N, C-alpha and C. Protein backbone atom coordinates (compact mmCIF):
# COMPACT_ATOMS: atom_id res chain seq x y z
N MET A 1 13.78 56.07 1.67
CA MET A 1 13.58 56.31 3.08
C MET A 1 14.16 55.15 3.88
N ALA A 2 14.96 55.48 4.88
CA ALA A 2 15.54 54.46 5.75
C ALA A 2 14.48 53.98 6.74
N LEU A 3 14.44 52.68 6.93
CA LEU A 3 13.48 52.09 7.85
C LEU A 3 13.96 52.29 9.28
N THR A 4 13.18 52.97 10.10
CA THR A 4 13.57 53.26 11.49
C THR A 4 12.67 52.48 12.45
N ASN A 5 13.15 52.36 13.68
CA ASN A 5 12.36 51.70 14.72
C ASN A 5 11.05 52.43 14.96
N ASP A 6 11.08 53.76 14.90
CA ASP A 6 9.86 54.54 15.11
C ASP A 6 8.83 54.26 14.01
N TYR A 7 9.29 54.12 12.78
CA TYR A 7 8.37 53.84 11.69
C TYR A 7 7.78 52.43 11.81
N ILE A 8 8.60 51.47 12.19
CA ILE A 8 8.11 50.10 12.38
C ILE A 8 7.07 50.07 13.50
N ARG A 9 7.37 50.77 14.58
CA ARG A 9 6.43 50.87 15.70
C ARG A 9 5.11 51.49 15.25
N GLN A 10 5.20 52.53 14.45
CA GLN A 10 4.00 53.20 13.93
C GLN A 10 3.18 52.25 13.06
N ARG A 11 3.82 51.51 12.18
CA ARG A 11 3.13 50.57 11.29
C ARG A 11 2.45 49.46 12.10
N LEU A 12 3.13 48.97 13.14
CA LEU A 12 2.54 47.93 14.00
C LEU A 12 1.33 48.48 14.75
N ALA A 13 1.44 49.71 15.24
CA ALA A 13 0.32 50.33 15.96
C ALA A 13 -0.87 50.56 15.03
N GLU A 14 -0.61 50.95 13.78
CA GLU A 14 -1.69 51.13 12.82
C GLU A 14 -2.41 49.82 12.53
N LYS A 15 -1.66 48.76 12.44
CA LYS A 15 -2.23 47.46 12.08
C LYS A 15 -2.91 46.77 13.27
N PHE A 16 -2.25 46.78 14.43
CA PHE A 16 -2.71 45.97 15.57
C PHE A 16 -3.16 46.78 16.78
N GLY A 17 -2.94 48.06 16.77
CA GLY A 17 -3.40 48.92 17.86
C GLY A 17 -2.77 48.59 19.20
N GLU A 18 -3.63 48.51 20.22
CA GLU A 18 -3.20 48.31 21.60
C GLU A 18 -2.68 46.90 21.88
N GLN A 19 -2.85 46.00 20.94
CA GLN A 19 -2.42 44.62 21.17
C GLN A 19 -0.90 44.47 21.13
N VAL A 20 -0.21 45.39 20.53
CA VAL A 20 1.25 45.39 20.50
C VAL A 20 1.72 46.26 21.65
N THR A 21 2.50 45.68 22.57
CA THR A 21 2.91 46.40 23.78
C THR A 21 4.40 46.18 24.06
N GLY A 22 4.85 46.81 25.12
CA GLY A 22 6.19 46.57 25.64
C GLY A 22 7.33 46.97 24.72
N PHE A 23 7.15 48.05 23.99
CA PHE A 23 8.22 48.48 23.07
C PHE A 23 9.46 48.91 23.85
N THR A 24 10.59 48.34 23.50
CA THR A 24 11.89 48.77 24.02
C THR A 24 12.88 48.70 22.86
N GLU A 25 14.06 49.23 23.09
CA GLU A 25 15.10 49.19 22.06
C GLU A 25 16.46 48.85 22.67
N PRO A 26 16.61 47.66 23.26
CA PRO A 26 17.92 47.31 23.80
C PRO A 26 18.95 47.21 22.69
N TYR A 27 20.06 47.92 22.87
CA TYR A 27 21.14 47.96 21.89
C TYR A 27 20.65 48.35 20.50
N GLY A 28 19.59 49.15 20.43
CA GLY A 28 19.08 49.66 19.18
C GLY A 28 18.14 48.73 18.43
N MET A 29 17.89 47.52 18.96
CA MET A 29 16.99 46.57 18.29
C MET A 29 15.58 46.72 18.83
N LEU A 30 14.65 47.03 17.95
CA LEU A 30 13.26 47.17 18.35
C LEU A 30 12.75 45.84 18.90
N THR A 31 12.16 45.89 20.08
CA THR A 31 11.63 44.70 20.75
C THR A 31 10.22 45.03 21.23
N PHE A 32 9.31 44.08 21.07
CA PHE A 32 7.93 44.30 21.50
C PHE A 32 7.29 42.96 21.81
N GLU A 33 6.07 43.02 22.34
CA GLU A 33 5.32 41.84 22.74
C GLU A 33 3.94 41.87 22.09
N VAL A 34 3.48 40.67 21.69
CA VAL A 34 2.11 40.52 21.19
C VAL A 34 1.48 39.33 21.91
N PRO A 35 0.15 39.27 21.98
CA PRO A 35 -0.51 38.09 22.55
C PRO A 35 -0.17 36.85 21.73
N LYS A 36 -0.11 35.70 22.38
CA LYS A 36 0.32 34.49 21.68
C LYS A 36 -0.60 34.11 20.53
N GLU A 37 -1.87 34.49 20.61
CA GLU A 37 -2.81 34.18 19.53
C GLU A 37 -2.51 34.98 18.27
N MET A 38 -1.66 36.01 18.39
CA MET A 38 -1.36 36.88 17.26
C MET A 38 0.01 36.64 16.66
N ASN A 39 0.71 35.58 17.07
CA ASN A 39 2.06 35.41 16.54
C ASN A 39 2.07 35.28 15.02
N LEU A 40 1.15 34.48 14.45
CA LEU A 40 1.13 34.31 13.00
C LEU A 40 0.68 35.57 12.26
N LYS A 41 -0.29 36.26 12.81
CA LYS A 41 -0.75 37.50 12.17
C LYS A 41 0.39 38.53 12.14
N THR A 42 1.12 38.60 13.23
CA THR A 42 2.24 39.55 13.31
C THR A 42 3.35 39.14 12.34
N LEU A 43 3.70 37.86 12.34
CA LEU A 43 4.73 37.38 11.42
C LEU A 43 4.33 37.62 9.97
N GLN A 44 3.07 37.32 9.65
CA GLN A 44 2.58 37.49 8.27
C GLN A 44 2.62 38.96 7.86
N PHE A 45 2.20 39.85 8.75
CA PHE A 45 2.24 41.28 8.44
C PHE A 45 3.66 41.75 8.19
N LEU A 46 4.58 41.39 9.09
CA LEU A 46 5.97 41.82 8.94
C LEU A 46 6.60 41.24 7.67
N PHE A 47 6.19 40.06 7.28
CA PHE A 47 6.70 39.40 6.07
C PHE A 47 6.15 40.06 4.81
N ASP A 48 4.84 40.27 4.77
CA ASP A 48 4.16 40.72 3.55
C ASP A 48 4.27 42.21 3.27
N ASP A 49 4.40 43.03 4.31
CA ASP A 49 4.39 44.47 4.10
C ASP A 49 5.54 44.87 3.16
N GLU A 50 5.20 45.59 2.10
CA GLU A 50 6.18 45.94 1.06
C GLU A 50 7.28 46.89 1.55
N GLU A 51 7.01 47.65 2.60
CA GLU A 51 8.04 48.54 3.13
C GLU A 51 8.90 47.85 4.19
N LEU A 52 8.30 46.98 4.98
CA LEU A 52 9.04 46.34 6.07
C LEU A 52 9.87 45.15 5.59
N GLN A 53 9.26 44.19 4.93
CA GLN A 53 9.92 43.04 4.32
C GLN A 53 10.80 42.23 5.29
N PHE A 54 10.27 41.86 6.44
CA PHE A 54 11.00 41.00 7.38
C PHE A 54 10.81 39.55 6.93
N ARG A 55 11.63 39.14 5.99
CA ARG A 55 11.43 37.84 5.33
C ARG A 55 12.45 36.79 5.73
N PHE A 56 13.23 37.08 6.75
CA PHE A 56 14.20 36.09 7.22
C PHE A 56 14.05 35.90 8.73
N LEU A 57 13.77 34.68 9.13
CA LEU A 57 13.69 34.34 10.55
C LEU A 57 15.10 33.95 11.00
N THR A 58 15.75 34.85 11.72
CA THR A 58 17.12 34.61 12.16
C THR A 58 17.16 33.58 13.27
N ASP A 59 16.23 33.69 14.21
CA ASP A 59 16.27 32.80 15.37
C ASP A 59 14.89 32.72 16.00
N LEU A 60 14.64 31.61 16.65
CA LEU A 60 13.42 31.38 17.41
C LEU A 60 13.83 30.54 18.61
N GLN A 61 13.50 30.98 19.79
CA GLN A 61 13.84 30.22 20.99
C GLN A 61 12.84 30.55 22.09
N ALA A 62 13.01 29.89 23.21
CA ALA A 62 12.13 30.14 24.35
C ALA A 62 12.97 30.54 25.56
N VAL A 63 12.28 31.13 26.53
CA VAL A 63 12.87 31.49 27.81
C VAL A 63 11.87 31.08 28.88
N HIS A 64 12.37 30.51 29.96
CA HIS A 64 11.49 30.09 31.06
C HIS A 64 11.59 31.10 32.20
N TYR A 65 10.45 31.67 32.56
CA TYR A 65 10.33 32.58 33.70
C TYR A 65 9.46 31.90 34.75
N PRO A 66 10.03 31.08 35.63
CA PRO A 66 9.21 30.28 36.55
C PRO A 66 8.38 31.10 37.54
N ASP A 67 8.77 32.32 37.82
CA ASP A 67 8.05 33.13 38.80
C ASP A 67 6.96 34.01 38.19
N ASP A 68 6.79 33.97 36.89
CA ASP A 68 5.80 34.80 36.21
C ASP A 68 4.56 33.95 35.91
N LYS A 69 3.69 33.80 36.89
CA LYS A 69 2.52 32.91 36.79
C LYS A 69 1.64 33.25 35.59
N GLY A 70 1.35 32.24 34.79
CA GLY A 70 0.53 32.41 33.61
C GLY A 70 1.30 32.86 32.38
N ARG A 71 2.55 33.26 32.59
CA ARG A 71 3.43 33.72 31.50
C ARG A 71 4.81 33.10 31.68
N GLU A 72 4.83 31.83 32.05
CA GLU A 72 6.11 31.20 32.38
C GLU A 72 7.03 31.01 31.18
N LEU A 73 6.46 30.79 30.01
CA LEU A 73 7.28 30.55 28.82
C LEU A 73 7.13 31.71 27.83
N ALA A 74 8.26 32.20 27.38
CA ALA A 74 8.28 33.21 26.32
C ALA A 74 8.87 32.58 25.07
N VAL A 75 8.21 32.76 23.94
CA VAL A 75 8.78 32.38 22.66
C VAL A 75 9.25 33.67 22.01
N VAL A 76 10.52 33.68 21.61
CA VAL A 76 11.15 34.90 21.11
C VAL A 76 11.52 34.70 19.64
N TYR A 77 11.07 35.63 18.81
CA TYR A 77 11.36 35.60 17.37
C TYR A 77 12.33 36.74 17.04
N HIS A 78 13.38 36.43 16.29
CA HIS A 78 14.29 37.44 15.75
C HIS A 78 14.12 37.45 14.24
N LEU A 79 13.75 38.60 13.69
CA LEU A 79 13.53 38.73 12.25
C LEU A 79 14.50 39.73 11.65
N HIS A 80 14.80 39.53 10.37
CA HIS A 80 15.72 40.41 9.66
C HIS A 80 15.11 40.80 8.32
N SER A 81 15.16 42.08 8.03
CA SER A 81 14.77 42.59 6.72
C SER A 81 16.07 42.83 5.95
N PHE A 82 16.38 41.93 5.02
CA PHE A 82 17.61 42.09 4.23
C PHE A 82 17.56 43.37 3.39
N THR A 83 16.41 43.65 2.82
CA THR A 83 16.26 44.82 1.96
C THR A 83 16.61 46.10 2.71
N ASN A 84 16.17 46.20 3.95
CA ASN A 84 16.39 47.42 4.75
C ASN A 84 17.55 47.28 5.73
N ASN A 85 18.09 46.07 5.85
CA ASN A 85 19.15 45.75 6.81
C ASN A 85 18.76 46.19 8.23
N VAL A 86 17.58 45.74 8.64
CA VAL A 86 17.05 46.05 9.97
C VAL A 86 16.63 44.74 10.63
N ARG A 87 16.89 44.65 11.92
CA ARG A 87 16.50 43.48 12.70
C ARG A 87 15.50 43.92 13.77
N LEU A 88 14.65 42.97 14.16
CA LEU A 88 13.75 43.22 15.29
C LEU A 88 13.51 41.92 16.05
N ARG A 89 12.98 42.10 17.24
CA ARG A 89 12.67 40.97 18.12
C ARG A 89 11.27 41.15 18.65
N PHE A 90 10.50 40.06 18.65
CA PHE A 90 9.23 40.14 19.37
C PHE A 90 8.98 38.87 20.14
N LYS A 91 8.20 39.03 21.21
CA LYS A 91 7.98 37.95 22.16
C LYS A 91 6.49 37.68 22.31
N ILE A 92 6.19 36.42 22.57
CA ILE A 92 4.86 36.03 22.99
C ILE A 92 5.03 35.22 24.26
N PHE A 93 4.07 35.30 25.16
CA PHE A 93 4.13 34.57 26.42
C PHE A 93 2.99 33.58 26.50
N THR A 94 3.26 32.44 27.15
CA THR A 94 2.24 31.42 27.34
C THR A 94 2.43 30.78 28.70
N SER A 95 1.38 30.18 29.20
CA SER A 95 1.49 29.49 30.49
C SER A 95 2.12 28.12 30.29
N ILE A 96 2.70 27.62 31.33
CA ILE A 96 3.35 26.32 31.27
C ILE A 96 2.32 25.19 31.23
N GLU A 97 1.09 25.47 31.71
CA GLU A 97 0.02 24.47 31.67
C GLU A 97 -0.51 24.26 30.25
N THR A 98 -0.57 25.32 29.46
CA THR A 98 -1.03 25.22 28.06
C THR A 98 -0.02 25.92 27.16
N PRO A 99 1.10 25.28 26.89
CA PRO A 99 2.16 25.93 26.11
C PRO A 99 1.93 25.82 24.60
N ASP A 100 0.71 26.09 24.16
CA ASP A 100 0.35 25.95 22.75
C ASP A 100 0.55 27.26 22.00
N VAL A 101 1.32 27.18 20.91
CA VAL A 101 1.64 28.34 20.08
C VAL A 101 1.53 27.89 18.63
N PHE A 102 1.01 28.74 17.76
CA PHE A 102 0.89 28.39 16.35
C PHE A 102 2.27 28.33 15.69
N THR A 103 2.45 27.33 14.84
CA THR A 103 3.72 27.15 14.15
C THR A 103 3.94 28.21 13.08
N ALA A 104 5.20 28.54 12.84
CA ALA A 104 5.56 29.50 11.79
C ALA A 104 6.16 28.80 10.58
N THR A 105 6.04 27.48 10.50
CA THR A 105 6.71 26.72 9.45
C THR A 105 6.15 26.99 8.05
N GLN A 106 4.88 27.39 7.94
CA GLN A 106 4.33 27.68 6.62
C GLN A 106 4.89 28.99 6.05
N LEU A 107 5.33 29.87 6.90
CA LEU A 107 5.86 31.17 6.47
C LEU A 107 7.39 31.13 6.36
N TYR A 108 8.02 30.49 7.34
CA TYR A 108 9.48 30.37 7.37
C TYR A 108 9.84 28.89 7.46
N ALA A 109 10.39 28.33 6.41
CA ALA A 109 10.76 26.91 6.41
C ALA A 109 11.79 26.60 7.49
N CYS A 110 12.67 27.54 7.78
CA CYS A 110 13.71 27.31 8.79
C CYS A 110 13.13 27.19 10.20
N ALA A 111 11.88 27.59 10.39
CA ALA A 111 11.26 27.48 11.71
C ALA A 111 11.08 26.01 12.11
N ASN A 112 11.07 25.11 11.14
CA ASN A 112 10.86 23.69 11.41
C ASN A 112 11.82 23.18 12.49
N TRP A 113 13.11 23.32 12.26
CA TRP A 113 14.09 22.81 13.21
C TRP A 113 14.14 23.64 14.48
N MET A 114 13.97 24.94 14.35
CA MET A 114 14.01 25.81 15.53
C MET A 114 12.85 25.48 16.48
N GLU A 115 11.67 25.25 15.92
CA GLU A 115 10.52 24.90 16.75
C GLU A 115 10.69 23.53 17.37
N ARG A 116 11.27 22.60 16.64
CA ARG A 116 11.51 21.27 17.22
C ARG A 116 12.49 21.35 18.39
N GLU A 117 13.52 22.15 18.25
CA GLU A 117 14.48 22.32 19.35
C GLU A 117 13.82 23.00 20.54
N THR A 118 12.99 24.01 20.28
CA THR A 118 12.29 24.71 21.36
C THR A 118 11.31 23.78 22.06
N TYR A 119 10.65 22.93 21.31
CA TYR A 119 9.78 21.92 21.92
C TYR A 119 10.60 20.96 22.77
N ASP A 120 11.70 20.49 22.23
CA ASP A 120 12.54 19.50 22.88
C ASP A 120 13.06 19.98 24.23
N PHE A 121 13.46 21.24 24.30
CA PHE A 121 14.08 21.75 25.52
C PHE A 121 13.13 22.49 26.46
N PHE A 122 12.04 23.07 25.93
CA PHE A 122 11.14 23.87 26.76
C PHE A 122 9.71 23.33 26.81
N GLY A 123 9.33 22.45 25.89
CA GLY A 123 8.00 21.89 25.90
C GLY A 123 6.94 22.76 25.25
N VAL A 124 7.34 23.73 24.43
CA VAL A 124 6.37 24.55 23.72
C VAL A 124 5.76 23.71 22.60
N ASN A 125 4.43 23.59 22.62
CA ASN A 125 3.71 22.79 21.63
C ASN A 125 3.32 23.68 20.45
N PHE A 126 4.01 23.51 19.33
CA PHE A 126 3.74 24.33 18.15
C PHE A 126 2.63 23.67 17.33
N ILE A 127 1.44 24.24 17.44
CA ILE A 127 0.25 23.70 16.77
C ILE A 127 0.40 23.84 15.26
N GLY A 128 0.19 22.73 14.56
CA GLY A 128 0.30 22.72 13.11
C GLY A 128 1.67 22.37 12.59
N HIS A 129 2.62 22.13 13.47
CA HIS A 129 3.98 21.77 13.03
C HIS A 129 3.93 20.42 12.32
N PRO A 130 4.62 20.27 11.18
CA PRO A 130 4.52 19.04 10.42
C PRO A 130 5.19 17.82 11.05
N ASN A 131 6.12 18.02 11.99
CA ASN A 131 6.84 16.88 12.56
C ASN A 131 7.39 17.24 13.93
N LEU A 132 6.53 17.62 14.85
CA LEU A 132 6.97 18.08 16.16
C LEU A 132 7.34 16.89 17.04
N LYS A 133 8.62 16.60 17.09
CA LYS A 133 9.13 15.54 17.96
C LYS A 133 10.52 15.94 18.42
N ARG A 134 11.02 15.23 19.40
CA ARG A 134 12.33 15.56 19.95
C ARG A 134 13.39 15.49 18.86
N ILE A 135 14.34 16.40 18.95
CA ILE A 135 15.37 16.49 17.91
C ILE A 135 16.76 16.19 18.47
N LEU A 136 17.01 16.51 19.74
CA LEU A 136 18.32 16.29 20.34
C LEU A 136 18.29 15.36 21.55
N ASN A 137 17.20 15.36 22.29
CA ASN A 137 17.08 14.51 23.47
C ASN A 137 16.40 13.20 23.11
N VAL A 138 16.54 12.21 23.98
CA VAL A 138 15.94 10.91 23.73
C VAL A 138 14.43 10.99 23.86
N ASP A 139 13.73 10.18 23.10
CA ASP A 139 12.26 10.19 23.10
C ASP A 139 11.69 9.84 24.47
N GLU A 140 12.41 9.05 25.25
CA GLU A 140 11.91 8.60 26.55
C GLU A 140 11.98 9.68 27.62
N MET A 141 12.64 10.77 27.35
CA MET A 141 12.77 11.84 28.34
C MET A 141 11.39 12.40 28.67
N ASP A 142 11.05 12.44 29.95
CA ASP A 142 9.72 12.87 30.36
C ASP A 142 9.71 14.28 30.98
N TYR A 143 10.73 15.05 30.70
CA TYR A 143 10.80 16.42 31.18
C TYR A 143 11.50 17.26 30.11
N PHE A 144 11.51 18.56 30.33
CA PHE A 144 12.12 19.49 29.39
C PHE A 144 13.30 20.16 30.09
N PRO A 145 14.52 19.84 29.68
CA PRO A 145 15.71 20.18 30.47
C PRO A 145 16.02 21.67 30.63
N MET A 146 15.52 22.54 29.78
CA MET A 146 15.84 23.96 29.93
C MET A 146 14.86 24.71 30.83
N ARG A 147 13.82 24.04 31.28
CA ARG A 147 12.93 24.66 32.27
C ARG A 147 13.63 24.63 33.61
N LYS A 148 13.42 25.63 34.38
CA LYS A 148 14.05 25.72 35.70
C LYS A 148 13.16 25.01 36.73
N GLU A 149 13.05 23.70 36.59
CA GLU A 149 12.18 22.91 37.46
C GLU A 149 12.94 21.86 38.25
N TYR A 150 14.16 22.14 38.59
CA TYR A 150 15.00 21.17 39.27
C TYR A 150 15.91 21.92 40.24
N PRO A 151 16.42 21.23 41.27
CA PRO A 151 17.35 21.90 42.18
C PRO A 151 18.65 22.22 41.44
N MET A 152 19.27 23.29 41.83
CA MET A 152 20.49 23.72 41.15
C MET A 152 21.61 22.70 41.25
N GLU A 153 21.75 22.03 42.39
CA GLU A 153 22.80 21.04 42.54
C GLU A 153 22.39 20.02 43.58
N ASP A 154 22.70 18.78 43.33
CA ASP A 154 22.41 17.71 44.27
C ASP A 154 23.48 17.73 45.36
N GLN A 155 23.09 18.09 46.57
CA GLN A 155 24.05 18.23 47.67
C GLN A 155 24.55 16.90 48.20
N THR A 156 23.96 15.79 47.76
CA THR A 156 24.39 14.48 48.26
C THR A 156 25.47 13.84 47.39
N ARG A 157 25.87 14.47 46.32
CA ARG A 157 26.85 13.87 45.41
C ARG A 157 28.22 13.85 46.08
N VAL A 158 28.82 12.66 46.14
CA VAL A 158 30.14 12.54 46.77
C VAL A 158 31.25 13.05 45.87
N ASP A 159 31.06 13.06 44.58
CA ASP A 159 32.10 13.56 43.69
C ASP A 159 32.24 15.08 43.74
N LYS A 160 31.36 15.73 44.49
CA LYS A 160 31.43 17.18 44.65
C LYS A 160 32.04 17.56 46.01
N ASP A 161 32.41 16.58 46.81
CA ASP A 161 33.01 16.88 48.11
C ASP A 161 34.36 17.57 47.92
N ASP A 162 34.68 18.45 48.86
CA ASP A 162 35.96 19.16 48.79
C ASP A 162 37.14 18.21 48.81
N GLU A 163 37.02 17.09 49.49
CA GLU A 163 38.13 16.14 49.56
C GLU A 163 38.50 15.61 48.18
N MET A 164 37.54 15.51 47.28
CA MET A 164 37.81 15.02 45.93
C MET A 164 38.69 16.00 45.14
N PHE A 165 38.73 17.25 45.59
CA PHE A 165 39.51 18.28 44.90
C PHE A 165 40.71 18.71 45.70
N GLY A 166 41.06 17.94 46.72
CA GLY A 166 42.23 18.28 47.53
C GLY A 166 42.02 19.47 48.45
N ARG A 167 40.76 19.78 48.76
CA ARG A 167 40.48 20.93 49.63
C ARG A 167 40.05 20.51 51.02
N GLY A 168 40.01 19.24 51.29
CA GLY A 168 39.55 18.80 52.60
C GLY A 168 40.72 18.55 53.54
N GLY A 169 40.43 18.51 54.82
CA GLY A 169 41.44 18.18 55.81
C GLY A 169 42.45 19.32 56.04
N THR A 170 43.60 18.94 56.57
CA THR A 170 44.63 19.94 56.88
C THR A 170 45.72 19.91 55.83
N PHE A 171 46.39 21.01 55.71
CA PHE A 171 47.45 21.10 54.70
C PHE A 171 48.78 21.26 55.36
């Protein structure tokens, strides 16, 4: 039997009921949302289930939604079932005030670096991570650069003046 998005959705509904929401299929990839407290339970179920076998974490990243109060940060997991050659995506949301999410490093060893990068750029605190520290930015950095918490451009910069590009004055 070929593993279909409808069957995966059915298995998730059987296991977690109403807690799994927001099913969509952009470009054919099953996408859904679970509460942040359920990220490990969901990952463990998808990993252990003998029919699903989502045993490869392809990617883990975050997205900042500054206008979505209480759900400003989304952690997005991309999983692949090699046996069935099926991919899926699921999201959890957390507030920027308490960006605490359980680590997936015990289930997927590759989550170690992905979670460190997500912490470094978005400030998601992965509880239980064995070495959660900055990986690309300097330790002294007191902000998270991928959050949209800064003005788009400093209007006082002189190197951005049109005259610097030969666009000022008369021609």
